[in-house]
Amino acid sequence: MLVAHLFACFWYLMANTNEAESWLKKMNLVDVDWKVQYLYSVYWASITMMTVGYGDITPQNKNETIFCLIAVLMGCAVYAFNIDRKS
């Protein structure tokens, strides 16, 4: 959950840059309460790390795409480390 929280916080920060398009804007979540925005951020992080990837929250600009790629790779590394540790 800590990794999902950290990814969610950074995903939210990516959307608050000055880019014309972001996932918050696409999902019409710009003017809602921060708790709702955080909920969707954690949802994205969890779905990405579990490699389910529904595709409803997707990167909309270059910075979000780069961060999304890093999150996927880090999520895979965390799971690989945990599996290897138990062997």
Protein backbone atom coordinates (compact mmCIF):
# COMPACT_ATOMS: atom_id res chain seq x y z
CA MET A 1 0.00 0.00 0.00
CA LEU A 2 2.91 2.34 0.64
CA VAL A 3 4.13 1.99 -2.94
CA ALA A 4 0.59 2.52 -4.26
CA HIS A 5 0.25 5.63 -2.08
CA LEU A 6 3.55 7.06 -3.34
CA PHE A 7 2.69 6.35 -6.98
CA ALA A 8 -0.76 7.85 -6.45
CA CYS A 9 0.70 11.05 -5.00
CA PHE A 10 3.13 11.45 -7.88
CA TRP A 11 0.41 10.61 -10.44
CA TYR A 12 -1.73 13.36 -8.93
CA LEU A 13 1.22 15.79 -9.06
CA MET A 14 1.75 14.94 -12.74
CA ALA A 15 -1.82 16.08 -13.45
CA ASN A 16 -1.27 19.38 -11.67
CA THR A 17 1.44 20.59 -14.04
CA ASN A 18 0.70 23.27 -16.58
CA GLU A 19 0.03 20.78 -19.38
CA ALA A 20 -3.02 21.46 -21.53
CA GLU A 21 -4.31 17.91 -21.07
CA SER A 22 -4.15 15.69 -18.02
CA TRP A 23 -5.99 12.67 -16.69
CA LEU A 24 -7.79 14.89 -14.15
CA LYS A 25 -9.18 17.03 -16.95
CA LYS A 26 -10.13 14.01 -19.06
CA MET A 27 -12.01 12.44 -16.12
CA ASN A 28 -13.65 15.81 -15.21
CA LEU A 29 -12.11 15.72 -11.74
CA VAL A 30 -10.39 19.11 -11.69
CA ASP A 31 -12.93 20.84 -9.46
CA VAL A 32 -13.88 17.97 -7.13
CA ASP A 33 -12.68 17.45 -3.56
CA TRP A 34 -9.05 16.37 -3.12
CA LYS A 35 -10.22 13.15 -1.45
CA VAL A 36 -11.97 12.09 -4.64
CA GLN A 37 -8.89 12.98 -6.68
CA TYR A 38 -6.73 10.94 -4.28
CA LEU A 39 -9.15 8.01 -4.52
CA TYR A 40 -8.83 7.97 -8.31
CA SER A 41 -5.04 8.33 -8.01
CA VAL A 42 -4.81 5.30 -5.70
CA TYR A 43 -7.16 3.42 -8.00
CA TRP A 44 -4.87 4.14 -10.97
CA ALA A 45 -1.74 3.14 -9.02
CA SER A 46 -3.27 -0.10 -7.75
CA ILE A 47 -4.69 -1.11 -11.13
CA THR A 48 -1.36 -0.32 -12.80
CA MET A 49 0.72 -2.20 -10.24
CA MET A 50 -1.58 -5.23 -10.36
CA THR A 51 -1.22 -5.15 -14.19
CA VAL A 52 -4.99 -5.21 -14.67
CA GLY A 53 -4.99 -1.88 -16.52
CA TYR A 54 -8.63 -1.15 -17.34
CA GLY A 55 -7.57 1.86 -19.41
CA ASP A 56 -10.13 4.26 -17.97
CA ILE A 57 -7.46 6.48 -16.42
CA THR A 58 -4.60 6.86 -18.88
CA PRO A 59 -1.74 9.31 -19.39
CA GLN A 60 -2.74 12.32 -21.48
CA ASN A 61 0.61 14.09 -21.94
CA LYS A 62 4.33 13.38 -22.18
CA ASN A 63 5.08 13.73 -18.46
CA GLU A 64 2.22 11.46 -17.41
CA THR A 65 3.30 8.87 -19.99
CA ILE A 66 6.88 8.88 -18.70
CA PHE A 67 5.69 8.56 -15.10
CA CYS A 68 3.26 5.79 -16.05
CA LEU A 69 6.08 3.83 -17.64
CA ILE A 70 8.24 4.27 -14.53
CA ALA A 71 5.36 3.16 -12.29
CA VAL A 72 4.77 0.00 -14.34
CA LEU A 73 8.45 -0.92 -14.29
CA MET A 74 8.79 -0.21 -10.57
CA GLY A 75 5.63 -2.18 -9.79
CA CYS A 76 7.02 -5.16 -11.67
CA ALA A 77 10.33 -4.83 -9.83
CA VAL A 78 8.59 -4.76 -6.42
CA TYR A 79 6.65 -7.93 -7.21
CA ALA A 80 9.71 -9.66 -8.66
CA PHE A 81 11.68 -8.81 -5.52
CA ASN A 82 8.94 -10.15 -3.26
CA ILE A 83 8.59 -13.38 -5.24
CA ASP A 84 12.35 -13.91 -5.34
CA ARG A 85 12.66 -13.26 -1.60
CA LYS A 86 10.21 -16.05 -0.75
CA SER A 87 12.10 -18.65 -2.80
